[in-house]
Amino acid sequence: MTYILGISCWYHDAAACLLRDGVIVAAVQEERFTRIKHDASLPVNAIAWCLQYAGIKAEELSLVAYYDKPFLKFERILETYLAGVPHGIPSFLKAMPVWLKRSLWIPELLRKEIGFDGRILFCEHHESHAASAFFPSPFDHAAILTTDGVGEWATTSIGVGRSDRLVLEKEIHFPHSLGLLYSTFTGYCGFRVNSGEYKLMGLAPYGEPKYVQTILDELIDLKEDGSYRLNLRYFAFPWGLRMYSREFERLFDGAARTPESSITRKEIDLARSIQVVTERAVMQMARHAGQISGAANLCMAGGVALNCVANGRVLESGRFEKIWIQPASGDAGGALGAALMAWHRYMQTPREVGHGDSMQGAALGPFYGTGEIRAALLDQTSILYEELDDDILCERVAQLLVDQKVIGWFQGRMEYGPRALGGRSILADPRNLAMQKHVNQSIKFRESFRPFAPVVPAEKSSAWFELKEESPYMLLTAQVKGAHIEGEGLERQQKITSPIAAVTHVDGSARVQTVRRQDHPLLYRLLQAFEDRTGCPVLINTSFNVRGEPIVCTPEDALNCFKHTDMDILVLGSFLIQKDLR
């Protein structure tokens, strides 16, 4: 058997992925083990788990594939700092020691940390993204669009995939970056860069696009084919310690919002404006990718591909018959892409395309059986639990949901990527608008404006959403049927009229997850049981974690989260758990 280990690390969301004869065996982010959100360190825990799951040792690996080329990235960083002298000296002094200690010594680190002394292949960053998008997709021929902050030099690439071949035809290079433009607004609006982009996207529908023309006139020169250049006078990220320059602050009439302070109309309108510009750029790039490739289908990856609103616009445009987006589109997915590039390009292995994708529903992480869960429960003294068979469990949980209880749902293998898809989820009744505020504030401990995603059986999605195709990875938005919203600004959240108000965002949309019986049998059965009681086959599905922490991995993680929030019920495998309130 041929085992290939893919690795991503050092920038954002370190991860490991293992292929066995080209089949994805295991994939997981390092953060799930260290409990450090977006942990970028060498993923020694993720690697160890992948090897353990496959029952092999490091010396049995055929090769290791790394998701970018450190020397090429080092060249870009060095050239950028030299071009920015003297402005970049503080940032240079901070960054260089880190690079010299770790990023240029990947072979030595792997030999020391995991005992691997074999061949290591280095894949270009955007090739890794492109491979993660095309090779697992259900398409034999597709256009490919990858967009993120920056790899080595590339920030955006357009390519074409056909059978087992992948070619990148066009690139846009640093410092011109759509991802970094979006992150600049993330930072200016008071959210954390490389983490708070979801917040900016969630805030956008509350605002008006009053700054769109300013952005297009001053910040980005966007062409009809989707190519673009940034006006660098407004940005400090090429060599500074922050994203935006003083010129940027002057353009938008003042300093950035202080983190955790009140959100004003200005931030709301800025969020809407940069979202509109991003959607326009993605649409134009996708259209051009289709023209270059001549393909009827599109594959997407890179951090910007997690912008589900932009993805939804591409789908709605009708330019492509189908689009497929890598569920781990960020740097974590680069580990998978690098491994697949090694399998198909270096080892010249043919690719077989099936009826669906090869991601196995992204359920590629750790699994904990009944014995392991029972052992974790035996250590608890402040909870009550019972073990139930699947039918009774789903009936009980469905009734608890009807009774407005919030459920922690821990089943099967953990998801690969940032979305909880039914393995490590928090579930609740979507019909009650007050549930949105309750889960945000009392369980997730996050901003009240943040939206929740609905999960629905695939065959029933069209009755509830204006969705043109299935969305198994929660990466597409669609309008909610029967939704009506009034008011302005943040007050609109309390003026939603919808049959599933708690998952209806203030623009009438929802980030939908569709579920098939064969992919998530227990969750599917729960949706049926809830529908039997309510006539509604939809539930709130949000990730099982609290603000600032990664999604839970182990039963112990789930129990800890359960005990320290207002979550009502925890379901660990076949165990239904309640807090002992005596």
Protein backbone atom coordinates (compact mmCIF):
# COMPACT_ATOMS: atom_id res chain seq x y z
CA MET A 1 0.00 0.00 0.00
CA THR A 2 1.05 3.57 -0.69
CA TYR A 3 0.63 6.05 2.15
CA ILE A 4 1.01 9.79 1.52
CA LEU A 5 0.91 12.31 4.36
CA GLY A 6 -0.07 15.90 3.54
CA ILE A 7 0.86 18.73 5.90
CA SER A 8 0.03 22.42 6.23
CA CYS A 9 1.43 24.66 8.97
CA TRP A 10 3.15 27.85 10.11
CA TYR A 11 0.67 30.36 8.70
CA HIS A 12 -2.92 29.51 9.64
CA ASP A 13 -4.88 26.36 10.56
CA ALA A 14 -2.19 23.70 10.56
CA ALA A 15 -3.48 20.26 9.55
CA ALA A 16 -2.51 16.76 8.47
CA CYS A 17 -4.13 14.44 5.94
CA LEU A 18 -3.38 10.82 5.12
CA LEU A 19 -4.06 9.05 1.80
CA ARG A 20 -3.96 5.27 1.37
CA ASP A 21 -3.68 4.32 -2.30
CA GLY A 22 -5.19 7.70 -3.15
CA VAL A 23 -8.20 7.35 -0.81
CA ILE A 24 -8.59 9.91 1.98
CA VAL A 25 -8.20 7.96 5.22
CA ALA A 26 -7.94 10.75 7.78
CA ALA A 27 -7.72 14.54 7.97
CA VAL A 28 -7.76 16.86 10.97
CA GLN A 29 -6.61 20.31 12.15
CA GLU A 30 -4.02 20.67 14.87
CA GLU A 31 -6.25 23.10 16.82
CA ARG A 32 -8.66 20.29 17.72
CA PHE A 33 -5.97 18.63 19.85
CA THR A 34 -4.14 21.64 21.31
CA ARG A 35 -7.39 23.63 21.86
CA ILE A 36 -5.64 26.73 20.42
CA LYS A 37 -7.93 28.18 17.76
CA HIS A 38 -6.28 28.37 14.32
CA ASP A 39 -3.13 26.75 15.74
CA ALA A 40 -0.48 27.13 13.03
CA SER A 41 2.34 25.12 14.60
CA LEU A 42 3.80 21.93 13.16
CA PRO A 43 0.79 19.57 13.41
CA VAL A 44 2.50 16.85 15.43
CA ASN A 45 -0.73 15.81 17.18
CA ALA A 46 -2.69 15.71 13.94
CA ILE A 47 0.05 13.68 12.27
CA ALA A 48 0.24 11.26 15.19
CA TRP A 49 -3.52 10.73 15.12
CA CYS A 50 -3.59 10.14 11.34
CA LEU A 51 -0.84 7.52 11.62
CA GLN A 52 -2.51 5.88 14.62
CA TYR A 53 -5.87 5.77 12.87
CA ALA A 54 -4.31 4.04 9.87
CA GLY A 55 -2.31 1.69 12.09
CA ILE A 56 1.07 2.62 10.63
CA LYS A 57 4.33 4.23 11.71
CA ALA A 58 6.09 7.21 10.16
CA GLU A 59 8.66 5.01 8.45
CA GLU A 60 5.87 3.29 6.53
CA LEU A 61 4.94 6.50 4.73
CA SER A 62 5.80 6.52 1.04
CA LEU A 63 6.32 10.29 1.10
CA VAL A 64 5.24 13.53 2.77
CA ALA A 65 3.73 16.40 0.76
CA TYR A 66 3.96 19.94 2.10
CA TYR A 67 1.39 22.53 1.04
CA ASP A 68 3.70 25.33 -0.09
CA LYS A 69 7.30 26.10 -1.00
CA PRO A 70 9.03 27.73 1.99
CA PHE A 71 12.03 29.05 0.06
CA LEU A 72 9.80 30.75 -2.50
CA LYS A 73 7.69 32.25 0.28
CA PHE A 74 10.88 33.35 2.05
CA GLU A 75 11.97 35.07 -1.16
CA ARG A 76 8.70 37.00 -1.32
CA ILE A 77 8.88 38.07 2.32
CA LEU A 78 12.51 39.17 2.01
CA GLU A 79 11.94 41.10 -1.22
CA THR A 80 8.85 42.78 0.21
CA TYR A 81 10.66 43.95 3.34
CA LEU A 82 13.65 45.22 1.36
CA ALA A 83 11.32 47.18 -0.91
CA GLY A 84 9.68 48.74 2.14
CA VAL A 85 12.81 49.90 3.96
CA PRO A 86 12.75 51.63 6.39
CA HIS A 87 9.02 51.16 7.06
CA GLY A 88 9.17 47.39 7.42
CA ILE A 89 12.08 47.10 9.86
CA PRO A 90 9.98 46.37 13.02
CA SER A 91 7.94 43.75 11.19
CA PHE A 92 11.10 42.30 9.58
CA LEU A 93 12.82 41.91 12.94
CA LYS A 94 9.75 40.15 14.29
CA ALA A 95 9.20 37.79 11.37
CA MET A 96 12.68 36.74 10.25
CA PRO A 97 13.82 34.86 13.36
CA VAL A 98 10.64 32.79 13.19
CA TRP A 99 11.21 31.90 9.55
CA LEU A 100 14.85 31.07 10.05
CA LYS A 101 14.05 28.78 12.98
CA ARG A 102 11.19 26.77 11.51
CA SER A 103 9.85 27.38 8.01
CA LEU A 104 13.10 26.69 6.17
CA TRP A 105 13.77 23.48 8.08
CA ILE A 106 10.74 21.32 7.39
CA PRO A 107 12.70 18.08 6.66
CA GLU A 108 14.72 18.38 9.84
CA LEU A 109 11.65 19.15 11.93
CA LEU A 110 9.75 16.14 10.56
CA ARG A 111 12.73 13.90 11.19
CA LYS A 112 12.97 15.14 14.77
CA GLU A 113 9.25 15.30 15.65
CA ILE A 114 7.77 12.24 13.93
CA GLY A 115 10.77 10.17 12.88
CA PHE A 116 10.23 10.51 9.13
CA ASP A 117 13.40 10.45 7.04
CA GLY A 118 11.98 9.84 3.57
CA ARG A 119 11.09 11.92 0.56
CA ILE A 120 9.33 15.27 1.04
CA LEU A 121 7.62 17.00 -1.87
CA PHE A 122 6.84 20.71 -1.78
CA CYS A 123 3.76 21.84 -3.68
CA GLU A 124 3.04 25.47 -4.55
CA HIS A 125 0.41 26.95 -2.25
CA HIS A 126 -2.23 27.69 -4.88
CA GLU A 127 -1.64 24.35 -6.58
CA SER A 128 -2.45 22.76 -3.22
CA HIS A 129 -5.67 24.76 -3.02
CA ALA A 130 -6.55 23.94 -6.63
CA ALA A 131 -5.87 20.23 -6.09
CA SER A 132 -8.02 20.20 -2.95
CA ALA A 133 -10.83 21.74 -5.01
CA PHE A 134 -10.66 19.65 -8.19
CA PHE A 135 -9.39 16.16 -7.34
CA PRO A 136 -12.04 15.34 -4.67
CA SER A 137 -14.80 16.91 -6.78
CA PRO A 138 -17.38 14.89 -8.74
CA PHE A 139 -16.25 16.48 -12.03
CA ASP A 140 -14.05 15.09 -14.79
CA HIS A 141 -13.63 18.57 -16.30
CA ALA A 142 -13.96 21.85 -14.40
CA ALA A 143 -12.81 25.44 -14.14
CA ILE A 144 -10.85 26.13 -10.94
CA LEU A 145 -10.78 29.36 -8.93
CA THR A 146 -8.61 29.76 -5.83
CA THR A 147 -8.50 33.01 -3.86
CA ASP A 148 -6.95 33.71 -0.46
CA GLY A 149 -4.64 36.10 1.36
CA VAL A 150 -1.32 35.00 -0.10
CA GLY A 151 0.67 31.82 -0.72
CA GLU A 152 4.25 32.18 -1.93
CA TRP A 153 3.52 34.99 -4.41
CA ALA A 154 0.08 34.08 -5.77
CA THR A 155 -3.08 35.43 -4.16
CA THR A 156 -5.55 34.36 -6.84
CA SER A 157 -5.32 31.67 -9.48
CA ILE A 158 -7.51 30.47 -12.33
CA GLY A 159 -7.02 27.03 -13.80
CA VAL A 160 -8.58 24.02 -15.42
CA GLY A 161 -8.82 20.41 -14.27
CA ARG A 162 -9.38 17.50 -16.61
CA SER A 163 -9.26 13.88 -15.44
CA ASP A 164 -6.00 13.57 -13.44
CA ARG A 165 -4.41 16.76 -14.81
CA LEU A 166 -4.54 20.22 -13.26
CA VAL A 167 -3.07 23.36 -14.82
CA LEU A 168 -3.09 26.90 -13.41
CA GLU A 169 -3.47 29.30 -16.33
CA LYS A 170 -3.45 32.74 -14.66
CA GLU A 171 -2.34 34.22 -11.35
CA ILE A 172 -2.48 37.50 -9.47
CA HIS A 173 0.51 38.14 -7.23
CA PHE A 174 1.14 39.74 -3.84
CA PRO A 175 0.63 42.44 -2.64
CA HIS A 176 -2.52 42.56 -4.76
CA SER A 177 -4.91 40.30 -2.86
CA LEU A 178 -8.69 40.14 -2.59
CA GLY A 179 -8.36 38.13 0.62
CA LEU A 180 -6.07 40.71 2.22
CA LEU A 181 -8.38 43.52 1.08
CA TYR A 182 -11.26 41.82 2.91
CA SER A 183 -9.05 41.19 5.95
CA THR A 184 -8.05 44.88 5.99
CA PHE A 185 -11.68 45.80 6.48
CA THR A 186 -11.98 43.02 9.07
CA GLY A 187 -9.21 44.63 11.11
CA TYR A 188 -10.45 48.19 10.57
CA CYS A 189 -13.94 47.22 11.77
CA GLY A 190 -12.44 45.94 15.03
CA PHE A 191 -12.40 42.19 14.39
CA ARG A 192 -9.42 39.87 14.46
CA VAL A 193 -7.72 39.34 11.10
CA ASN A 194 -7.68 35.71 9.89
CA SER A 195 -10.49 34.93 12.32
CA GLY A 196 -13.11 37.65 12.24
CA GLU A 197 -13.87 37.56 8.51
CA TYR A 198 -16.96 35.43 9.30
CA LYS A 199 -18.15 38.23 11.57
CA LEU A 200 -17.73 40.84 8.86
CA MET A 201 -19.68 38.67 6.42
CA GLY A 202 -22.43 38.17 9.03
CA LEU A 203 -22.58 41.90 9.76
CA ALA A 204 -22.82 42.92 6.09
CA PRO A 205 -26.58 42.38 5.52
CA TYR A 206 -27.42 44.88 8.26
CA GLY A 207 -25.81 47.72 6.33
CA GLU A 208 -26.06 49.77 3.16
CA PRO A 209 -23.41 49.67 0.39
CA LYS A 210 -22.62 53.36 0.71
CA TYR A 211 -18.82 52.90 0.40
CA VAL A 212 -18.80 50.63 -2.67
CA GLN A 213 -17.86 53.35 -5.12
CA THR A 214 -15.18 54.68 -2.78
CA ILE A 215 -13.62 51.21 -2.59
CA LEU A 216 -13.73 50.79 -6.37
CA ASP A 217 -12.41 54.31 -7.03
CA GLU A 218 -9.66 54.37 -4.41
CA LEU A 219 -8.71 50.91 -3.15
CA ILE A 220 -9.08 48.36 -5.94
CA ASP A 221 -8.94 48.63 -9.71
CA LEU A 222 -11.26 45.77 -10.69
CA LYS A 223 -11.34 44.79 -14.37
CA GLU A 224 -14.14 43.05 -16.27
CA ASP A 225 -12.22 39.75 -16.32
CA GLY A 226 -11.90 39.83 -12.52
CA SER A 227 -8.23 40.78 -12.48
CA TYR A 228 -7.43 43.58 -10.05
CA ARG A 229 -4.76 45.74 -8.47
CA LEU A 230 -4.77 47.41 -5.06
CA ASN A 231 -3.77 51.01 -4.47
CA LEU A 232 -0.97 50.34 -2.01
CA ARG A 233 -0.96 53.82 -0.49
CA TYR A 234 -3.93 52.68 1.60
CA PHE A 235 -2.37 49.47 2.95
CA ALA A 236 0.39 48.61 5.43
CA PHE A 237 0.26 44.79 5.34
CA PRO A 238 3.13 44.31 2.83
CA TRP A 239 5.67 45.41 5.42
CA GLY A 240 3.85 46.71 8.50
CA LEU A 241 2.44 45.27 11.70
CA ARG A 242 -1.14 46.21 10.81
CA MET A 243 -3.28 45.93 7.70
CA TYR A 244 -4.20 49.53 6.84
CA SER A 245 -2.29 52.81 6.49
CA ARG A 246 -3.07 56.28 7.81
CA GLU A 247 -4.36 57.11 4.33
CA PHE A 248 -6.94 54.35 4.76
CA GLU A 249 -8.06 55.86 8.05
CA ARG A 250 -8.33 59.29 6.47
CA LEU A 251 -10.33 57.88 3.57
CA PHE A 252 -12.91 56.46 5.99
CA ASP A 253 -12.91 59.41 8.38
CA GLY A 254 -11.13 58.14 11.43
CA ALA A 255 -9.36 55.46 13.38
CA ALA A 256 -10.39 51.84 13.44
CA ARG A 257 -13.07 50.59 15.80
CA THR A 258 -11.64 49.40 19.12
CA PRO A 259 -12.22 45.64 19.50
CA GLU A 260 -15.21 44.74 21.71
CA SER A 261 -16.56 48.32 21.60
CA SER A 262 -20.03 49.12 20.27
CA ILE A 263 -20.56 48.55 16.57
CA THR A 264 -21.64 51.73 14.78
CA ARG A 265 -23.46 52.40 11.56
CA LYS A 266 -20.08 53.06 9.94
CA GLU A 267 -18.79 49.51 10.53
CA ILE A 268 -22.09 48.05 9.40
CA ASP A 269 -22.01 49.96 6.12
CA LEU A 270 -18.31 49.21 5.57
CA ALA A 271 -19.02 45.50 6.04
CA ARG A 272 -21.82 45.62 3.47
CA SER A 273 -19.71 47.60 1.03
CA ILE A 274 -16.65 45.34 1.04
CA GLN A 275 -18.93 42.30 0.83
CA VAL A 276 -20.57 43.73 -2.31
CA VAL A 277 -17.16 44.42 -3.88
CA THR A 278 -15.94 40.93 -2.99
CA GLU A 279 -19.01 39.32 -4.51
CA ARG A 280 -18.53 41.34 -7.69
CA ALA A 281 -14.86 40.35 -7.94
CA VAL A 282 -15.56 36.65 -7.33
CA MET A 283 -18.36 36.70 -9.90
CA GLN A 284 -16.12 38.27 -12.55
CA MET A 285 -13.22 35.91 -11.80
CA ALA A 286 -15.51 32.89 -11.92
CA ARG A 287 -16.97 34.02 -15.24
CA HIS A 288 -13.46 34.43 -16.67
CA ALA A 289 -12.43 31.01 -15.34
CA GLY A 290 -15.35 29.52 -17.22
CA GLN A 291 -14.31 31.28 -20.42
CA ILE A 292 -10.70 30.08 -20.16
CA SER A 293 -11.57 26.49 -19.33
CA GLY A 294 -14.67 26.02 -21.46
CA ALA A 295 -15.99 23.94 -18.57
CA ALA A 296 -19.61 23.72 -17.44
CA ASN A 297 -18.61 23.18 -13.79
CA LEU A 298 -16.55 25.18 -11.29
CA CYS A 299 -14.37 24.13 -8.33
CA MET A 300 -13.33 26.60 -5.64
CA ALA A 301 -10.92 26.72 -2.70
CA GLY A 302 -8.82 29.20 -0.73
CA GLY A 303 -9.98 31.27 2.23
CA VAL A 304 -12.23 33.50 0.12
CA ALA A 305 -14.16 30.38 -0.98
CA LEU A 306 -15.52 30.24 2.58
CA ASN A 307 -17.50 33.39 1.75
CA CYS A 308 -20.74 31.51 1.26
CA VAL A 309 -22.64 34.62 0.13
CA ALA A 310 -20.27 35.15 -2.80
CA ASN A 311 -20.51 31.43 -3.60
CA GLY A 312 -24.28 31.68 -3.64
CA ARG A 313 -24.08 34.58 -6.11
CA VAL A 314 -21.93 32.50 -8.45
CA LEU A 315 -24.42 29.64 -8.33
CA GLU A 316 -27.40 31.96 -8.85
CA SER A 317 -25.75 33.53 -11.90
CA GLY A 318 -26.41 30.38 -13.91
CA ARG A 319 -22.96 30.54 -15.56
CA PHE A 320 -22.10 27.05 -14.31
CA GLU A 321 -24.21 23.92 -14.20
CA LYS A 322 -22.72 22.99 -10.84
CA ILE A 323 -20.10 24.32 -8.45
CA TRP A 324 -18.15 22.33 -5.86
CA ILE A 325 -16.30 24.00 -2.99
CA GLN A 326 -13.69 22.28 -0.83
CA PRO A 327 -15.19 22.15 2.71
CA ALA A 328 -11.74 22.81 4.21
CA SER A 329 -11.06 25.67 1.80
CA GLY A 330 -8.53 27.47 3.97
CA ASP A 331 -4.96 26.46 4.73
CA ALA A 332 -6.09 23.26 6.46
CA GLY A 333 -7.31 21.98 3.10
CA GLY A 334 -3.87 22.64 1.63
CA ALA A 335 -2.65 19.50 3.40
CA LEU A 336 -5.15 17.44 1.42
CA GLY A 337 -4.38 19.23 -1.83
CA ALA A 338 -0.65 18.64 -1.48
CA ALA A 339 -1.19 14.94 -0.83
CA LEU A 340 -3.47 14.62 -3.85
CA MET A 341 -0.98 16.48 -6.06
CA ALA A 342 1.69 14.01 -5.00
CA TRP A 343 -0.62 11.07 -5.76
CA HIS A 344 -1.76 12.21 -9.20
CA ARG A 345 1.17 14.27 -10.52
CA TYR A 346 4.30 12.84 -8.87
CA MET A 347 3.11 9.22 -8.77
CA GLN A 348 1.19 9.64 -12.06
CA THR A 349 -1.84 7.76 -10.78
CA PRO A 350 -5.07 7.91 -12.85
CA ARG A 351 -8.12 9.52 -11.29
CA GLU A 352 -11.50 7.86 -11.13
CA VAL A 353 -14.56 10.11 -10.91
CA GLY A 354 -17.59 8.76 -9.06
CA HIS A 355 -21.18 9.92 -8.74
CA GLY A 356 -20.34 12.10 -5.76
CA ASP A 357 -17.24 13.72 -4.29
CA SER A 358 -14.56 11.78 -2.40
CA MET A 359 -14.66 13.81 0.83
CA GLN A 360 -16.88 11.32 2.71
CA GLY A 361 -19.02 14.18 3.94
CA ALA A 362 -15.86 15.72 5.50
CA ALA A 363 -16.24 13.18 8.37
CA LEU A 364 -12.52 12.45 8.38
CA GLY A 365 -11.48 13.18 11.97
CA PRO A 366 -11.36 11.21 15.24
CA PHE A 367 -14.14 8.82 16.26
CA TYR A 368 -14.93 7.77 19.84
CA GLY A 369 -16.80 4.56 20.50
CA THR A 370 -19.23 3.60 23.26
CA GLY A 371 -16.49 2.32 25.54
CA GLU A 372 -14.49 5.53 25.33
CA ILE A 373 -17.57 7.68 25.93
CA ARG A 374 -18.65 5.55 28.89
CA ALA A 375 -15.17 5.86 30.42
CA ALA A 376 -15.35 9.68 30.08
CA LEU A 377 -18.77 9.69 31.75
CA LEU A 378 -17.57 7.62 34.69
CA ASP A 379 -15.27 10.50 35.65
CA GLN A 380 -18.22 12.90 35.95
CA THR A 381 -20.07 13.56 39.21
CA SER A 382 -22.36 16.47 38.28
CA ILE A 383 -24.37 14.96 35.43
CA LEU A 384 -27.13 12.39 34.88
CA TYR A 385 -27.07 10.11 31.85
CA GLU A 386 -28.78 7.17 30.23
CA GLU A 387 -27.95 4.95 27.27
CA LEU A 388 -30.62 4.65 24.55
CA ASP A 389 -30.99 2.86 21.22
CA ASP A 390 -31.09 5.04 18.10
CA ASP A 391 -34.87 5.10 17.62
CA ILE A 392 -35.65 6.08 21.21
CA LEU A 393 -32.75 8.55 21.25
CA CYS A 394 -34.02 10.44 18.19
CA GLU A 395 -37.60 10.50 19.50
CA ARG A 396 -36.47 11.84 22.88
CA VAL A 397 -34.20 14.48 21.41
CA ALA A 398 -36.86 15.60 18.92
CA GLN A 399 -39.29 16.20 21.77
CA LEU A 400 -36.66 18.06 23.77
CA LEU A 401 -36.07 20.32 20.77
CA VAL A 402 -39.82 20.98 20.54
CA ASP A 403 -39.67 21.87 24.24
CA GLN A 404 -37.09 24.55 23.35
CA LYS A 405 -34.07 22.72 24.72
CA VAL A 406 -30.63 23.31 23.19
CA ILE A 407 -28.79 20.09 22.35
CA GLY A 408 -25.08 19.33 22.11
CA TRP A 409 -24.79 16.64 19.40
CA PHE A 410 -21.60 14.52 19.34
CA GLN A 411 -21.74 11.70 16.79
CA GLY A 412 -19.33 9.73 14.62
CA ARG A 413 -16.15 11.17 13.16
CA MET A 414 -15.27 14.82 13.64
CA GLU A 415 -15.55 17.12 10.62
CA TYR A 416 -12.52 18.32 8.63
CA GLY A 417 -12.73 22.06 8.04
CA PRO A 418 -14.36 24.96 9.89
CA ARG A 419 -18.01 23.86 9.65
CA ALA A 420 -19.89 21.55 12.01
CA LEU A 421 -21.90 19.24 9.77
CA GLY A 422 -23.61 16.97 12.27
CA GLY A 423 -20.63 15.34 13.94
CA ARG A 424 -19.84 18.08 16.48
CA SER A 425 -22.93 20.32 16.42
CA ILE A 426 -25.24 22.34 18.62
CA LEU A 427 -28.89 21.87 17.57
CA ALA A 428 -32.02 23.88 18.37
CA ASP A 429 -35.52 24.75 17.14
CA PRO A 430 -35.30 27.26 14.24
CA ARG A 431 -38.94 28.39 14.44
CA ASN A 432 -38.45 30.53 17.53
CA LEU A 433 -36.66 33.84 16.75
CA ALA A 434 -35.65 34.20 20.41
CA MET A 435 -33.55 31.04 20.07
CA GLN A 436 -31.06 32.93 17.88
CA LYS A 437 -30.27 35.39 20.66
CA HIS A 438 -30.31 32.72 23.38
CA VAL A 439 -27.78 30.44 21.66
CA ASN A 440 -25.52 33.34 20.68
CA GLN A 441 -25.39 34.92 24.12
CA SER A 442 -25.83 32.08 26.62
CA ILE A 443 -24.13 29.19 24.84
CA LYS A 444 -21.77 30.48 22.15
CA PHE A 445 -20.88 33.68 24.09
CA ARG A 446 -20.60 35.65 20.87
CA GLU A 447 -22.05 38.73 19.17
CA SER A 448 -25.82 38.76 18.91
CA PHE A 449 -25.82 39.66 15.20
CA ARG A 450 -24.11 36.40 14.18
CA PRO A 451 -26.40 34.18 12.06
CA PHE A 452 -27.00 30.44 12.40
CA ALA A 453 -27.19 27.85 9.67
CA PRO A 454 -30.13 25.52 9.03
CA VAL A 455 -29.78 21.79 8.38
CA VAL A 456 -32.47 20.13 6.26
CA PRO A 457 -32.98 16.80 4.43
CA ALA A 458 -31.73 17.26 0.87
CA GLU A 459 -34.98 16.20 -0.76
CA LYS A 460 -36.96 18.76 1.27
CA SER A 461 -34.67 21.76 0.88
CA SER A 462 -36.52 23.19 -2.13
CA ALA A 463 -39.71 23.54 -0.07
CA TRP A 464 -37.93 25.84 2.38
CA PHE A 465 -35.10 27.52 0.43
CA GLU A 466 -34.46 28.96 -3.04
CA LEU A 467 -31.55 26.55 -3.51
CA LYS A 468 -30.54 25.28 -6.95
CA GLU A 469 -28.45 22.33 -5.80
CA GLU A 470 -27.49 20.41 -2.68
CA SER A 471 -25.24 22.11 -0.15
CA PRO A 472 -23.75 19.32 2.02
CA TYR A 473 -20.87 21.43 3.33
CA MET A 474 -22.79 24.57 4.37
CA LEU A 475 -20.97 26.71 1.80
CA LEU A 476 -23.89 28.21 -0.13
CA THR A 477 -26.50 30.76 0.87
CA ALA A 478 -30.06 30.75 -0.42
CA GLN A 479 -33.18 32.80 0.22
CA VAL A 480 -35.62 31.45 2.79
CA LYS A 481 -39.10 31.01 1.39
CA GLY A 482 -41.72 33.13 3.14
CA ALA A 483 -39.18 35.41 4.85
CA HIS A 484 -39.88 39.12 5.41
CA ILE A 485 -37.67 41.60 7.27
CA GLU A 486 -38.37 45.17 8.42
CA GLY A 487 -36.40 47.91 10.13
CA GLU A 488 -32.84 49.22 9.73
CA GLY A 489 -29.40 48.34 11.08
CA LEU A 490 -28.98 45.91 13.95
CA GLU A 491 -32.65 46.26 14.98
CA ARG A 492 -33.60 44.24 11.89
CA GLN A 493 -32.60 41.05 13.72
CA GLN A 494 -35.65 41.39 15.94
CA LYS A 495 -38.02 42.15 13.04
CA ILE A 496 -37.74 38.95 11.03
CA THR A 497 -40.91 37.22 9.92
CA SER A 498 -40.13 33.72 8.72
CA PRO A 499 -41.30 30.15 9.35
CA ILE A 500 -37.73 29.44 10.47
CA ALA A 501 -36.84 32.85 11.89
CA ALA A 502 -33.84 31.76 14.00
CA VAL A 503 -31.91 30.71 10.87
CA THR A 504 -33.12 33.52 8.62
CA HIS A 505 -30.57 36.31 8.27
CA VAL A 506 -31.62 39.92 7.92
CA ASP A 507 -31.34 39.81 4.13
CA GLY A 508 -33.77 36.88 4.05
CA SER A 509 -31.04 34.33 3.36
CA ALA A 510 -29.61 31.31 5.15
CA ARG A 511 -26.36 29.35 4.89
CA VAL A 512 -27.89 25.96 4.18
CA GLN A 513 -26.66 22.46 4.94
CA THR A 514 -28.47 19.68 3.12
CA VAL A 515 -28.31 16.14 4.50
CA ARG A 516 -28.73 12.78 2.82
CA ARG A 517 -29.83 9.72 4.76
CA GLN A 518 -26.79 7.68 3.71
CA ASP A 519 -24.30 10.35 4.80
CA HIS A 520 -25.74 11.28 8.23
CA PRO A 521 -28.24 8.52 9.14
CA LEU A 522 -28.81 9.50 12.77
CA LEU A 523 -29.08 13.24 12.11
CA TYR A 524 -31.42 12.50 9.21
CA ARG A 525 -33.60 10.39 11.50
CA LEU A 526 -33.66 13.20 14.07
CA LEU A 527 -34.81 15.68 11.42
CA GLN A 528 -37.63 13.28 10.50
CA ALA A 529 -38.68 12.92 14.14
CA PHE A 530 -38.70 16.70 14.59
CA GLU A 531 -40.78 17.10 11.43
CA ASP A 532 -43.27 14.48 12.65
CA ARG A 533 -43.95 16.69 15.68
CA THR A 534 -43.81 20.13 14.08
CA GLY A 535 -44.22 19.86 10.31
CA CYS A 536 -40.77 21.48 10.03
CA PRO A 537 -37.80 19.33 8.86
CA VAL A 538 -35.24 22.07 9.67
CA LEU A 539 -32.98 22.56 12.72
CA ILE A 540 -30.44 25.13 13.79
CA ASN A 541 -26.98 23.61 13.30
CA THR A 542 -24.02 25.54 14.71
CA SER A 543 -20.56 24.37 15.70
CA PHE A 544 -20.07 22.72 19.08
CA ASN A 545 -17.78 25.27 20.70
CA VAL A 546 -17.81 28.63 22.43
CA ARG A 547 -16.31 31.85 21.17
CA GLY A 548 -12.53 31.72 20.94
CA GLU A 549 -12.27 27.93 21.12
CA PRO A 550 -12.02 25.28 18.41
CA ILE A 551 -14.82 22.81 17.76
CA VAL A 552 -14.82 20.06 20.39
CA CYS A 553 -12.91 16.91 19.50
CA THR A 554 -13.14 14.44 22.38
CA PRO A 555 -15.97 13.41 24.73
CA GLU A 556 -14.10 15.26 27.48
CA ASP A 557 -14.09 18.45 25.37
CA ALA A 558 -17.84 18.10 24.80
CA LEU A 559 -18.57 17.51 28.49
CA ASN A 560 -16.48 20.51 29.49
CA CYS A 561 -18.29 22.78 27.02
CA PHE A 562 -21.65 21.40 28.13
CA LYS A 563 -21.01 22.04 31.80
CA HIS A 564 -19.82 25.62 31.32
CA THR A 565 -22.65 26.89 29.12
CA ASP A 566 -26.44 27.02 29.30
CA MET A 567 -26.76 24.06 26.95
CA ASP A 568 -29.64 21.89 28.20
CA ILE A 569 -28.85 18.40 26.91
CA LEU A 570 -25.75 16.63 25.63
CA VAL A 571 -25.95 13.61 23.33
CA LEU A 572 -22.66 11.67 23.23
CA GLY A 573 -23.10 8.75 20.86
CA SER A 574 -25.94 6.72 22.35
CA PHE A 575 -25.83 8.51 25.72
CA LEU A 576 -28.30 11.28 26.61
CA ILE A 577 -26.88 13.51 29.32
CA GLN A 578 -28.48 16.11 31.58
CA LYS A 579 -27.03 18.40 34.20
CA ASP A 580 -27.72 17.36 37.77
CA LEU A 581 -29.30 20.55 39.11
CA ARG A 582 -29.97 19.26 42.61
